[in-house]
Amino acid sequence: TGSSDPYCIVKIDDETIIRTATVWKTLSPFWGEEYEVHLQPTFHSVSIYVMDEDALSRDDVIGKVCITRDMLAEHPKGYSGWMSLSEVDPDEEVQGEIHLRVEVQESQGGRRLLCCTVLEAR
């Protein structure tokens, strides 16, 4: 039909932490959702999977982006830009990208906070 029913799953080191709401019939979703998640100091990566909900069969994986601990170390003041979705299944073609802003912030208690904002997707 030329549109998807996208939602996102956020995983920290392959453990699912968040599932967003589904945005129906769009190729340019906006979620407007905020979550606070406490990362362990030993985490390796945060992955955002973009999914396409399907009522009649298993949901399809559109693609994913992965923010690694090394990427954060390379951008100590944060990162903002478009990241292309990568494939999860090597047999599937992936098109699309996500505009992310990622920052590491200090909290009042001296803890470091990772703030990841999905600005838009296409």
Protein backbone atom coordinates (compact mmCIF):
# COMPACT_ATOMS: atom_id res chain seq x y z
CA THR A 1 0.00 0.00 0.00
CA GLY A 2 3.05 2.27 0.12
CA SER A 3 2.95 2.74 3.87
CA SER A 4 3.98 0.96 7.05
CA ASP A 5 2.72 0.66 10.61
CA PRO A 6 6.03 1.37 12.35
CA TYR A 7 7.04 1.07 15.98
CA CYS A 8 10.42 0.84 17.67
CA ILE A 9 11.97 -1.60 20.08
CA VAL A 10 14.96 -0.41 22.12
CA LYS A 11 17.42 -3.02 23.33
CA ILE A 12 20.37 -2.62 25.66
CA ASP A 13 22.88 -5.41 25.05
CA ASP A 14 20.15 -7.54 23.38
CA GLU A 15 17.67 -7.09 26.25
CA THR A 16 14.41 -5.44 25.19
CA ILE A 17 13.76 -2.38 27.37
CA ILE A 18 11.18 -0.31 25.46
CA ARG A 19 8.47 -0.78 22.85
CA THR A 20 6.94 2.39 21.44
CA ALA A 21 3.37 2.80 20.27
CA THR A 22 2.59 1.90 16.66
CA VAL A 23 2.11 4.82 14.26
CA TRP A 24 -0.40 3.63 11.68
CA LYS A 25 -0.11 4.00 7.89
CA THR A 26 2.97 6.20 7.51
CA LEU A 27 6.51 6.25 6.11
CA SER A 28 7.48 9.28 8.26
CA PRO A 29 6.54 8.33 11.83
CA PHE A 30 6.55 10.65 14.84
CA TRP A 31 6.26 9.07 18.28
CA GLY A 32 6.78 11.94 20.74
CA GLU A 33 7.54 9.48 23.54
CA GLU A 34 10.18 9.85 26.25
CA TYR A 35 11.66 7.13 28.43
CA GLU A 36 14.21 7.13 31.21
CA VAL A 37 16.39 4.04 31.39
CA HIS A 38 19.31 3.45 33.72
CA LEU A 39 22.32 2.03 31.90
CA GLN A 40 24.79 -0.18 33.69
CA PRO A 41 28.34 1.21 33.50
CA THR A 42 29.37 -1.99 31.69
CA PHE A 43 26.83 -1.74 28.83
CA HIS A 44 28.10 -2.39 25.29
CA SER A 45 25.39 -1.05 22.98
CA VAL A 46 21.94 0.46 22.63
CA SER A 47 20.04 -0.76 19.55
CA ILE A 48 16.88 0.75 18.09
CA TYR A 49 14.90 -1.65 15.91
CA VAL A 50 12.29 -0.17 13.56
CA MET A 51 9.47 -2.67 13.10
CA ASP A 52 6.40 -2.87 10.86
CA GLU A 53 3.36 -4.20 12.71
CA ASP A 54 1.36 -6.79 10.83
CA ALA A 55 -1.99 -7.99 12.17
CA LEU A 56 -2.09 -11.16 10.07
CA SER A 57 1.48 -12.44 10.41
CA ARG A 58 4.71 -11.89 12.28
CA ASP A 59 5.86 -8.25 12.45
CA ASP A 60 8.59 -7.35 9.96
CA VAL A 61 11.93 -5.82 10.91
CA ILE A 62 12.48 -2.72 8.77
CA GLY A 63 16.02 -2.22 10.10
CA LYS A 64 18.05 -1.11 13.08
CA VAL A 65 20.65 1.35 14.29
CA CYS A 66 23.19 0.55 16.95
CA ILE A 67 24.88 3.04 19.27
CA THR A 68 27.98 1.46 20.75
CA ARG A 69 30.00 2.43 23.78
CA ASP A 70 32.92 3.14 21.39
CA MET A 71 30.78 5.52 19.32
CA LEU A 72 29.95 7.47 22.47
CA ALA A 73 33.66 7.63 23.37
CA GLU A 74 34.42 9.03 19.88
CA HIS A 75 31.82 11.81 20.40
CA PRO A 76 32.26 12.96 24.02
CA LYS A 77 30.13 16.09 23.42
CA GLY A 78 27.40 14.05 21.77
CA TYR A 79 26.31 13.11 18.28
CA SER A 80 23.56 14.49 16.09
CA GLY A 81 22.87 13.29 12.57
CA TRP A 82 21.22 10.81 10.26
CA MET A 83 22.05 7.13 10.70
CA SER A 84 21.11 4.66 7.99
CA LEU A 85 19.17 1.61 9.05
CA SER A 86 21.17 -1.59 8.76
CA GLU A 87 19.71 -4.98 7.98
CA VAL A 88 18.87 -7.54 10.62
CA ASP A 89 18.17 -10.31 8.10
CA PRO A 90 20.88 -10.51 5.39
CA ASP A 91 18.25 -11.61 2.84
CA GLU A 92 16.21 -8.43 3.24
CA GLU A 93 16.84 -5.09 1.54
CA VAL A 94 16.83 -2.16 3.97
CA GLN A 95 15.93 1.41 3.15
CA GLY A 96 15.49 4.22 5.60
CA GLU A 97 17.30 6.31 8.14
CA ILE A 98 16.81 7.85 11.57
CA HIS A 99 17.87 11.30 12.72
CA LEU A 100 19.33 10.85 16.21
CA ARG A 101 20.73 13.11 18.88
CA VAL A 102 22.79 11.31 21.51
CA GLU A 103 24.34 13.02 24.53
CA VAL A 104 25.99 11.85 27.72
CA GLN A 105 24.98 14.14 30.57
CA GLU A 106 26.00 14.39 34.22
CA SER A 107 23.21 14.14 36.78
CA GLN A 108 23.08 15.92 40.13
CA GLY A 109 24.35 12.81 41.90
CA GLY A 110 27.38 12.58 39.64
CA ARG A 111 25.91 9.74 37.59
CA ARG A 112 26.25 9.81 33.82
CA LEU A 113 23.03 9.79 31.82
CA LEU A 114 22.65 8.78 28.18
CA CYS A 115 20.05 10.93 26.43
CA CYS A 116 19.04 9.53 23.04
CA THR A 117 16.45 11.42 20.99
CA VAL A 118 14.95 10.10 17.77
CA LEU A 119 14.15 13.37 16.00
CA GLU A 120 12.62 11.91 12.85
CA ALA A 121 12.68 8.92 10.55
CA ARG A 122 12.22 8.32 6.86
